[in-house]
C-alpha atoms as a PDB file:
ATOM      1  CA  MET A   1    -159.349-114.876-157.446  1.00  0.00           C
ATOM      2  CA  GLN A   2    -159.132-113.498-160.949  1.00  0.00           C
ATOM      3  CA  GLU A   3    -155.888-112.592-162.651  1.00  0.00           C
ATOM      4  CA  ILE A   4    -155.367-111.338-166.195  1.00  0.00           C
ATOM      5  CA  LYS A   5    -151.833-111.330-167.557  1.00  0.00           C
ATOM      6  CA  THR A   6    -149.701-112.122-170.582  1.00  0.00           C
ATOM      7  CA  THR A   7    -147.225-114.984-170.673  1.00  0.00           C
ATOM      8  CA  THR A   8    -144.870-116.357-173.303  1.00  0.00           C
ATOM      9  CA  GLY A   9    -147.329-119.201-173.824  1.00  0.00           C
ATOM     10  CA  SER A  10    -150.362-116.927-174.161  1.00  0.00           C
ATOM     11  CA  VAL A  11    -148.677-114.631-176.709  1.00  0.00           C
ATOM     12  CA  LEU A  12    -147.263-117.502-178.796  1.00  0.00           C
ATOM     13  CA  LEU A  13    -150.632-119.262-178.742  1.00  0.00           C
ATOM     14  CA  ALA A  14    -152.413-116.097-179.883  1.00  0.00           C
ATOM     15  CA  ILE A  15    -149.974-115.730-182.786  1.00  0.00           C
ATOM     16  CA  ALA A  16    -150.353-119.381-183.786  1.00  0.00           C
ATOM     17  CA  TRP A  17    -154.134-119.218-183.533  1.00  0.00           C
ATOM     18  CA  SER A  18    -154.314-116.048-185.628  1.00  0.00           C
ATOM     19  CA  ILE A  19    -152.376-117.803-188.402  1.00  0.00           C
ATOM     20  CA  ILE A  20    -154.617-120.886-188.244  1.00  0.00           C
ATOM     21  CA  ASP A  21    -157.784-118.783-188.180  1.00  0.00           C
ATOM     22  CA  TYR A  22    -156.700-116.677-191.136  1.00  0.00           C
ATOM     23  CA  ILE A  23    -155.706-119.733-193.179  1.00  0.00           C
ATOM     24  CA  GLU A  24    -159.030-121.440-192.494  1.00  0.00           C
ATOM     25  CA  ARG A  25    -161.022-118.356-193.459  1.00  0.00           C
ATOM     26  CA  ASP A  26    -158.842-117.817-196.538  1.00  0.00           C
ATOM     27  CA  ALA A  27    -159.313-121.459-197.589  1.00  0.00           C
ATOM     28  CA  LEU A  28    -163.085-121.182-197.170  1.00  0.00           C
ATOM     29  CA  GLU A  29    -163.217-117.962-199.178  1.00  0.00           C
ATOM     30  CA  ASN A  30    -161.138-119.416-202.019  1.00  0.00           C
ATOM     31  CA  ASP A  31    -162.800-122.860-201.862  1.00  0.00           C
ATOM     32  CA  VAL A  32    -159.528-124.727-201.321  1.00  0.00           C
ATOM     33  CA  ASP A  33    -158.372-127.351-198.823  1.00  0.00           C
ATOM     34  CA  PRO A  34    -156.484-125.747-195.899  1.00  0.00           C
ATOM     35  CA  ARG A  35    -154.224-128.818-195.866  1.00  0.00           C
ATOM     36  CA  GLY A  36    -152.608-127.413-199.020  1.00  0.00           C
ATOM     37  CA  TYR A  37    -151.123-124.471-197.093  1.00  0.00           C
ATOM     38  CA  LEU A  38    -147.501-124.472-195.956  1.00  0.00           C
ATOM     39  CA  ILE A  39    -146.268-122.314-193.077  1.00  0.00           C
ATOM     40  CA  ARG A  40    -142.682-121.062-192.953  1.00  0.00           C
ATOM     41  CA  ALA A  41    -141.886-119.574-189.547  1.00  0.00           C
ATOM     42  CA  PRO A  42    -138.531-120.786-188.154  1.00  0.00           C
ATOM     43  CA  GLU A  43    -138.900-118.917-184.844  1.00  0.00           C
ATOM     44  CA  LEU A  44    -142.399-120.274-184.288  1.00  0.00           C
ATOM     45  CA  GLU A  45    -141.347-123.810-185.237  1.00  0.00           C
ATOM     46  CA  ARG A  46    -138.533-123.664-182.670  1.00  0.00           C
ATOM     47  CA  ALA A  47    -140.992-122.371-180.074  1.00  0.00           C
ATOM     48  CA  LEU A  48    -143.324-125.299-180.796  1.00  0.00           C
ATOM     49  CA  GLU A  49    -140.463-127.662-179.970  1.00  0.00           C
ATOM     50  CA  GLY A  50    -139.654-125.774-176.766  1.00  0.00           C
ATOM     51  CA  PHE A  51    -136.298-124.515-177.999  1.00  0.00           C
ATOM     52  CA  SER A  52    -137.081-120.806-178.170  1.00  0.00           C
ATOM     53  CA  SER A  53    -139.519-118.212-176.839  1.00  0.00           C
ATOM     54  CA  ARG A  54    -138.630-115.663-179.512  1.00  0.00           C
ATOM     55  CA  LEU A  55    -141.697-114.171-181.172  1.00  0.00           C
ATOM     56  CA  PRO A  56    -141.818-114.337-184.990  1.00  0.00           C
ATOM     57  CA  ARG A  57    -142.103-111.102-186.941  1.00  0.00           C
ATOM     58  CA  LYS A  58    -142.881-112.554-190.355  1.00  0.00           C
ATOM     59  CA  VAL A  59    -144.558-115.806-191.367  1.00  0.00           C
ATOM     60  CA  ARG A  60    -144.596-117.023-194.940  1.00  0.00           C
ATOM     61  CA  VAL A  61    -147.576-119.093-196.057  1.00  0.00           C
ATOM     62  CA  GLY A  62    -147.323-120.954-199.355  1.00  0.00           C
ATOM     63  CA  VAL A  63    -150.413-122.090-201.234  1.00  0.00           C
ATOM     64  CA  SER A  64    -150.849-123.900-204.551  1.00  0.00           C
ATOM     65  CA  PRO A  65    -152.624-122.951-206.687  1.00  0.00           C
ATOM     66  CA  TYR A  66    -152.944-119.365-205.498  1.00  0.00           C
ATOM     67  CA  PRO A  67    -153.874-116.160-207.359  1.00  0.00           C
ATOM     68  CA  GLY A  68    -151.081-113.668-206.714  1.00  0.00           C
ATOM     69  CA  ASP A  69    -149.119-112.606-203.633  1.00  0.00           C
ATOM     70  CA  TYR A  70    -150.194-110.404-200.735  1.00  0.00           C
ATOM     71  CA  SER A  71    -149.502-109.875-197.055  1.00  0.00           C
ATOM     72  CA  VAL A  72    -151.624-109.165-194.002  1.00  0.00           C
ATOM     73  CA  GLU A  73    -150.763-108.028-190.479  1.00  0.00           C
ATOM     74  CA  LEU A  74    -152.177-110.244-187.747  1.00  0.00           C
ATOM     75  CA  TYR A  75    -151.960-110.158-183.959  1.00  0.00           C
ATOM     76  CA  ASN A  76    -148.867-108.606-182.332  1.00  0.00           C
ATOM     77  CA  GLY A  77    -147.658-107.098-185.589  1.00  0.00           C
ATOM     78  CA  VAL A  78    -146.829-110.468-187.159  1.00  0.00           C
ATOM     79  CA  ILE A  79    -146.796-110.154-190.944  1.00  0.00           C
ATOM     80  CA  VAL A  80    -148.198-113.133-192.843  1.00  0.00           C
ATOM     81  CA  VAL A  81    -147.171-113.281-196.489  1.00  0.00           C
ATOM     82  CA  PHE A  82    -149.318-115.404-198.804  1.00  0.00           C
ATOM     83  CA  GLU A  83    -147.492-116.553-201.928  1.00  0.00           C
ATOM     84  CA  GLU A  84    -147.384-119.269-204.582  1.00  0.00           C
ATOM     85  CA  LEU A  85    -146.178-122.575-203.142  1.00  0.00           C
ATOM     86  CA  ASP A  86    -142.402-122.888-203.430  1.00  0.00           C
ATOM     87  CA  GLY A  87    -140.081-125.102-201.388  1.00  0.00           C
ATOM     88  CA  ASP A  88    -140.612-126.723-198.019  1.00  0.00           C
ATOM     89  CA  GLY A  89    -142.693-125.706-195.046  1.00  0.00           C
ATOM     90  CA  LEU A  90    -144.726-126.970-192.119  1.00  0.00           C
ATOM     91  CA  GLY A  91    -148.086-128.196-193.397  1.00  0.00           C
ATOM     92  CA  TYR A  92    -151.308-126.726-192.010  1.00  0.00           C
ATOM     93  CA  GLU A  93    -152.335-130.001-190.369  1.00  0.00           C
ATOM     94  CA  ALA A  94    -148.893-130.539-188.807  1.00  0.00           C
ATOM     95  CA  PHE A  95    -148.970-126.946-187.559  1.00  0.00           C
ATOM     96  CA  VAL A  96    -152.397-127.354-185.934  1.00  0.00           C
ATOM     97  CA  ASN A  97    -151.216-130.648-184.433  1.00  0.00           C
ATOM     98  CA  SER A  98    -148.295-128.850-182.768  1.00  0.00           C
ATOM     99  CA  VAL A  99    -149.630-125.601-181.329  1.00  0.00           C
ATOM    100  CA  TYR A 100    -151.540-127.262-178.484  1.00  0.00           C
ATOM    101  CA  ARG A 101    -148.171-127.884-176.791  1.00  0.00           C
ATOM    102  CA  LEU A 102    -147.507-124.197-176.145  1.00  0.00           C
ATOM    103  CA  PRO A 103    -149.311-123.833-172.755  1.00  0.00           C
ATOM    104  CA  PHE A 104    -147.689-127.044-171.498  1.00  0.00           C
ATOM    105  CA  ILE A 105    -144.228-125.893-172.567  1.00  0.00           C
ATOM    106  CA  TYR A 106    -144.214-122.261-171.429  1.00  0.00           C
ATOM    107  CA  ASP A 107    -146.928-122.071-168.743  1.00  0.00           C
ATOM    108  CA  LYS A 108    -146.608-125.483-167.106  1.00  0.00           C
ATOM    109  CA  GLY A 109    -145.288-123.938-163.877  1.00  0.00           C
ATOM    110  CA  VAL A 110    -148.452-121.955-163.181  1.00  0.00           C
ATOM    111  CA  ILE A 111    -150.712-124.808-164.364  1.00  0.00           C
ATOM    112  CA  ARG A 112    -148.934-127.340-162.138  1.00  0.00           C
ATOM    113  CA  GLY A 113    -148.946-124.937-159.199  1.00  0.00           C
ATOM    114  CA  SER A 114    -152.703-124.461-159.408  1.00  0.00           C
ATOM    115  CA  ALA A 115    -153.248-128.207-159.900  1.00  0.00           C
ATOM    116  CA  LEU A 116    -151.322-128.921-156.706  1.00  0.00           C
ATOM    117  CA  ILE A 117    -153.661-126.572-154.835  1.00  0.00           C
ATOM    118  CA  THR A 118    -156.607-128.440-156.374  1.00  0.00           C
ATOM    119  CA  SER A 119    -155.191-131.736-155.094  1.00  0.00           C
ATOM    120  CA  SER A 120    -154.778-130.409-151.563  1.00  0.00           C
ATOM    121  CA  THR A 121    -157.917-128.256-151.195  1.00  0.00           C
ATOM    122  CA  GLY A 122    -160.272-129.344-153.985  1.00  0.00           C
ATOM    123  CA  THR A 123    -160.464-125.813-155.397  1.00  0.00           C
ATOM    124  CA  GLU A 124    -160.296-125.906-159.193  1.00  0.00           C
ATOM    125  CA  TYR A 125    -158.766-123.251-161.428  1.00  0.00           C
ATOM    126  CA  MET A 126    -159.416-122.180-165.001  1.00  0.00           C
ATOM    127  CA  PHE A 127    -156.989-120.874-167.635  1.00  0.00           C
ATOM    128  CA  LEU A 128    -158.532-119.038-170.574  1.00  0.00           C
ATOM    129  CA  TYR A 129    -156.175-118.086-173.401  1.00  0.00           C
ATOM    130  CA  LEU A 130    -157.558-115.198-175.442  1.00  0.00           C
ATOM    131  CA  SER A 131    -156.952-114.243-179.055  1.00  0.00           C
ATOM    132  CA  ASP A 132    -155.453-110.909-177.937  1.00  0.00           C
ATOM    133  CA  GLY A 133    -152.601-112.700-176.130  1.00  0.00           C
ATOM    134  CA  ARG A 134    -153.958-112.408-172.586  1.00  0.00           C
ATOM    135  CA  LEU A 135    -154.320-115.265-170.124  1.00  0.00           C
ATOM    136  CA  VAL A 136    -157.281-115.169-167.730  1.00  0.00           C
ATOM    137  CA  HIS A 137    -156.628-117.192-164.547  1.00  0.00           C
ATOM    138  CA  LEU A 138    -159.795-117.864-162.546  1.00  0.00           C
ATOM    139  CA  GLU A 139    -160.442-119.557-159.213  1.00  0.00           C
ATOM    140  CA  GLY A 140    -163.508-121.786-158.977  1.00  0.00           C
ATOM    141  CA  ALA A 141    -165.111-123.785-156.187  1.00  0.00           C
ATOM    142  CA  ARG A 142    -164.361-127.178-154.659  1.00  0.00           C
ATOM    143  CA  TYR A 143    -164.251-129.740-157.471  1.00  0.00           C
ATOM    144  CA  LYS A 144    -166.083-127.364-159.757  1.00  0.00           C
ATOM    145  CA  VAL A 145    -165.260-124.421-161.956  1.00  0.00           C
ATOM    146  CA  SER A 146    -167.719-122.674-164.243  1.00  0.00           C
ATOM    147  CA  ILE A 147    -166.372-121.965-167.696  1.00  0.00           C
ATOM    148  CA  PRO A 148    -167.487-118.523-168.860  1.00  0.00           C
ATOM    149  CA  PHE A 149    -168.254-118.199-172.564  1.00  0.00           C
ATOM    150  CA  LEU A 150    -165.800-115.838-174.194  1.00  0.00           C
ATOM    151  CA  LYS A 151    -165.956-115.710-177.976  1.00  0.00           C
ATOM    152  CA  ASN A 152    -162.273-114.820-178.270  1.00  0.00           C
ATOM    153  CA  THR A 153    -161.040-117.832-176.270  1.00  0.00           C
ATOM    154  CA  VAL A 154    -158.497-119.833-178.268  1.00  0.00           C
ATOM    155  CA  SER A 155    -157.728-122.383-175.551  1.00  0.00           C
ATOM    156  CA  SER A 156    -159.241-123.333-172.206  1.00  0.00           C
ATOM    157  CA  LEU A 157    -157.829-125.524-169.452  1.00  0.00           C
ATOM    158  CA  HIS A 158    -158.905-126.244-165.901  1.00  0.00           C
ATOM    159  CA  THR A 159    -157.324-128.165-163.060  1.00  0.00           C
ATOM    160  CA  HIS A 160    -158.279-131.569-161.702  1.00  0.00           C
ATOM    161  CA  PRO A 161    -157.023-133.238-158.514  1.00  0.00           C
ATOM    162  CA  GLU A 162    -154.232-135.785-158.822  1.00  0.00           C
ATOM    163  CA  GLY A 163    -155.405-139.107-160.241  1.00  0.00           C
ATOM    164  CA  SER A 164    -158.330-137.567-162.140  1.00  0.00           C
ATOM    165  CA  CYS A 165    -156.904-137.336-165.649  1.00  0.00           C
ATOM    166  CA  MET A 166    -160.212-137.770-167.445  1.00  0.00           C
ATOM    167  CA  LEU A 167    -162.910-135.457-168.789  1.00  0.00           C
ATOM    168  CA  SER A 168    -166.434-135.349-167.392  1.00  0.00           C
ATOM    169  CA  TYR A 169    -169.506-135.008-169.593  1.00  0.00           C
ATOM    170  CA  ALA A 170    -169.625-131.303-168.651  1.00  0.00           C
ATOM    171  CA  ASP A 171    -165.974-130.932-169.722  1.00  0.00           C
ATOM    172  CA  VAL A 172    -166.760-132.498-173.111  1.00  0.00           C
ATOM    173  CA  ASP A 173    -169.793-130.241-173.626  1.00  0.00           C
ATOM    174  CA  SER A 174    -167.754-127.145-172.744  1.00  0.00           C
ATOM    175  CA  ALA A 175    -164.921-128.278-175.016  1.00  0.00           C
ATOM    176  CA  LEU A 176    -167.343-128.712-177.913  1.00  0.00           C
ATOM    177  CA  ASP A 177    -168.669-125.176-177.436  1.00  0.00           C
ATOM    178  CA  SER A 178    -165.083-123.882-177.556  1.00  0.00           C
ATOM    179  CA  LEU A 179    -164.029-125.946-180.591  1.00  0.00           C
ATOM    180  CA  VAL A 180    -167.118-124.950-182.558  1.00  0.00           C
ATOM    181  CA  ASN A 181    -166.139-121.312-182.013  1.00  0.00           C
ATOM    182  CA  GLY A 182    -162.607-121.877-183.318  1.00  0.00           C
ATOM    183  CA  SER A 183    -160.643-122.742-180.186  1.00  0.00           C
ATOM    184  CA  ILE A 184    -157.563-124.917-180.604  1.00  0.00           C
ATOM    185  CA  LEU A 185    -157.990-127.024-177.477  1.00  0.00           C
ATOM    186  CA  SER A 186    -159.943-127.513-174.293  1.00  0.00           C
ATOM    187  CA  GLY A 187    -159.264-129.874-171.430  1.00  0.00           C
ATOM    188  CA  ALA A 188    -158.132-130.556-167.889  1.00  0.00           C
ATOM    189  CA  ALA A 189    -154.769-130.921-166.179  1.00  0.00           C
ATOM    190  CA  THR A 190    -153.441-132.331-162.942  1.00  0.00           C
ATOM    191  CA  SER A 191    -149.913-131.528-161.771  1.00  0.00           C
ATOM    192  CA  ARG A 192    -148.584-134.408-163.866  1.00  0.00           C
ATOM    193  CA  CYS A 193    -150.911-135.151-166.767  1.00  0.00           C
ATOM    194  CA  ALA A 194    -153.440-133.506-169.031  1.00  0.00           C
ATOM    195  CA  VAL A 195    -156.398-134.783-171.024  1.00  0.00           C
ATOM    196  CA  ILE A 196    -157.617-132.597-173.860  1.00  0.00           C
ATOM    197  CA  LEU A 197    -159.803-132.368-176.910  1.00  0.00           C
ATOM    198  CA  ARG A 198    -157.914-130.532-179.642  1.00  0.00           C
ATOM    199  CA  ARG A 199    -158.636-129.684-183.232  1.00  0.00           C
ATOM    200  CA  LYS A 200    -156.452-130.996-186.047  1.00  0.00           C
ATOM    201  CA  GLY A 201    -158.604-129.339-188.682  1.00  0.00           C
ATOM    202  CA  ILE A 202    -161.969-127.633-189.061  1.00  0.00           C
ATOM    203  CA  LEU A 203    -164.475-129.382-186.784  1.00  0.00           C
ATOM    204  CA  THR A 204    -166.747-131.675-188.815  1.00  0.00           C
ATOM    205  CA  GLU A 205    -170.429-132.316-188.186  1.00  0.00           C
ATOM    206  CA  ASP A 206    -169.757-136.051-187.771  1.00  0.00           C
ATOM    207  CA  ASP A 207    -167.170-135.416-185.062  1.00  0.00           C
ATOM    208  CA  TYR A 208    -169.527-133.037-183.280  1.00  0.00           C
ATOM    209  CA  VAL A 209    -172.213-135.740-183.211  1.00  0.00           C
ATOM    210  CA  GLU A 210    -169.744-138.397-181.993  1.00  0.00           C
ATOM    211  CA  LEU A 211    -168.530-136.182-179.156  1.00  0.00           C
ATOM    212  CA  LYS A 212    -172.099-135.388-178.124  1.00  0.00           C
ATOM    213  CA  ARG A 213    -172.731-139.135-177.931  1.00  0.00           C
ATOM    214  CA  PHE A 214    -169.575-139.539-175.861  1.00  0.00           C
ATOM    215  CA  SER A 215    -170.772-136.810-173.491  1.00  0.00           C
ATOM    216  CA  ASN A 216    -174.057-138.671-173.030  1.00  0.00           C
ATOM    217  CA  PHE A 217    -172.124-141.881-172.393  1.00  0.00           C
ATOM    218  CA  LEU A 218    -170.089-140.177-169.652  1.00  0.00           C
ATOM    219  CA  ARG A 219    -173.291-139.168-167.860  1.00  0.00           C
ATOM    220  CA  LYS A 220    -173.842-142.837-167.016  1.00  0.00           C
ATOM    221  CA  LYS A 221    -171.875-144.919-164.549  1.00  0.00           C
ATOM    222  CA  SER A 222    -169.503-147.370-166.271  1.00  0.00           C
ATOM    223  CA  ASP A 223    -166.606-149.562-165.257  1.00  0.00           C
ATOM    224  CA  ARG A 224    -163.045-148.809-166.333  1.00  0.00           C
ATOM    225  CA  ARG A 225    -162.947-151.488-169.030  1.00  0.00           C
ATOM    226  CA  THR A 226    -166.160-150.227-170.647  1.00  0.00           C
ATOM    227  CA  LEU A 227    -164.872-146.649-170.558  1.00  0.00           C
ATOM    228  CA  GLU A 228    -161.541-147.619-172.144  1.00  0.00           C
ATOM    229  CA  THR A 229    -163.353-149.524-174.905  1.00  0.00           C
ATOM    230  CA  ARG A 230    -165.613-146.540-175.612  1.00  0.00           C
ATOM    231  CA  ILE A 231    -162.640-144.164-175.768  1.00  0.00           C
ATOM    232  CA  TYR A 232    -160.805-146.515-178.152  1.00  0.00           C
ATOM    233  CA  GLU A 233    -163.848-146.625-180.446  1.00  0.00           C
ATOM    234  CA  LEU A 234    -164.236-142.842-180.304  1.00  0.00           C
ATOM    235  CA  LYS A 235    -160.618-142.179-181.238  1.00  0.00           C
ATOM    236  CA  ARG A 236    -160.981-144.380-184.329  1.00  0.00           C
ATOM    237  CA  LYS A 237    -164.033-142.434-185.492  1.00  0.00           C
ATOM    238  CA  LEU A 238    -162.802-138.869-184.967  1.00  0.00           C
ATOM    239  CA  SER A 239    -161.243-137.188-187.999  1.00  0.00           C
ATOM    240  CA  SER A 240    -160.975-133.476-187.140  1.00  0.00           C
ATOM    241  CA  VAL A 241    -160.544-133.713-183.359  1.00  0.00           C
ATOM    242  CA  VAL A 242    -158.084-135.604-181.159  1.00  0.00           C
ATOM    243  CA  LEU A 243    -158.869-136.887-177.669  1.00  0.00           C
ATOM    244  CA  GLU A 244    -155.492-137.181-175.980  1.00  0.00           C
ATOM    245  CA  ALA A 245    -154.039-137.797-172.536  1.00  0.00           C
ATOM    246  CA  PHE A 246    -150.343-137.168-171.873  1.00  0.00           C
ATOM    247  CA  ASN A 247    -147.806-136.308-169.204  1.00  0.00           C
ATOM    248  CA  TYR A 248    -146.248-132.846-169.325  1.00  0.00           C
END
């Protein structure tokens, strides 16, 4: 089974990702810290909290110091206006730390539905969110789903059976490939919980190395206590990536 469609979650995520991507490229070009950028988008902020599915038409981004004002049109006709910093806004880091919620707010019905099938039959499913606002829904095999490499993937999720809210070494390796190429998050979900790796900034070399070590650790058999200790240590070391498990 392969289905390609657009959902509220996929469109909102594409808009959010396009803003993050443009800010990061703009910061790199102007040799400034992206954490100095402020985003003003009331409709998008309400959507991040689950209070609205209204798509923003204009997003104001404040930067200080910044040479002049200009605007650019991003995905779905959203206008992003860059201007000198003035007043309040949602910081870049806070924004990146919020957008991962969008699939679990607006698409949780289809994710949970597929996860329930995984629990009953073992067949896993994949959800690929693309930068053009489309959602690719793929059916895999029993307890396995191959993650195709798509350069324009901004988020990737796959289903696990109930009680398996943990990433495998293959999941971590696939997540790293996605994050290196600019994705916001990658992970797995059951019908009740999700475990993800998500960016909270530009992926650092140190975090890449730490996650590769974690992947190698997961290849070996370990008891629950050892695994929990290793995860605790990893979370303390990561600076640009968050390993997180939560109910949704």
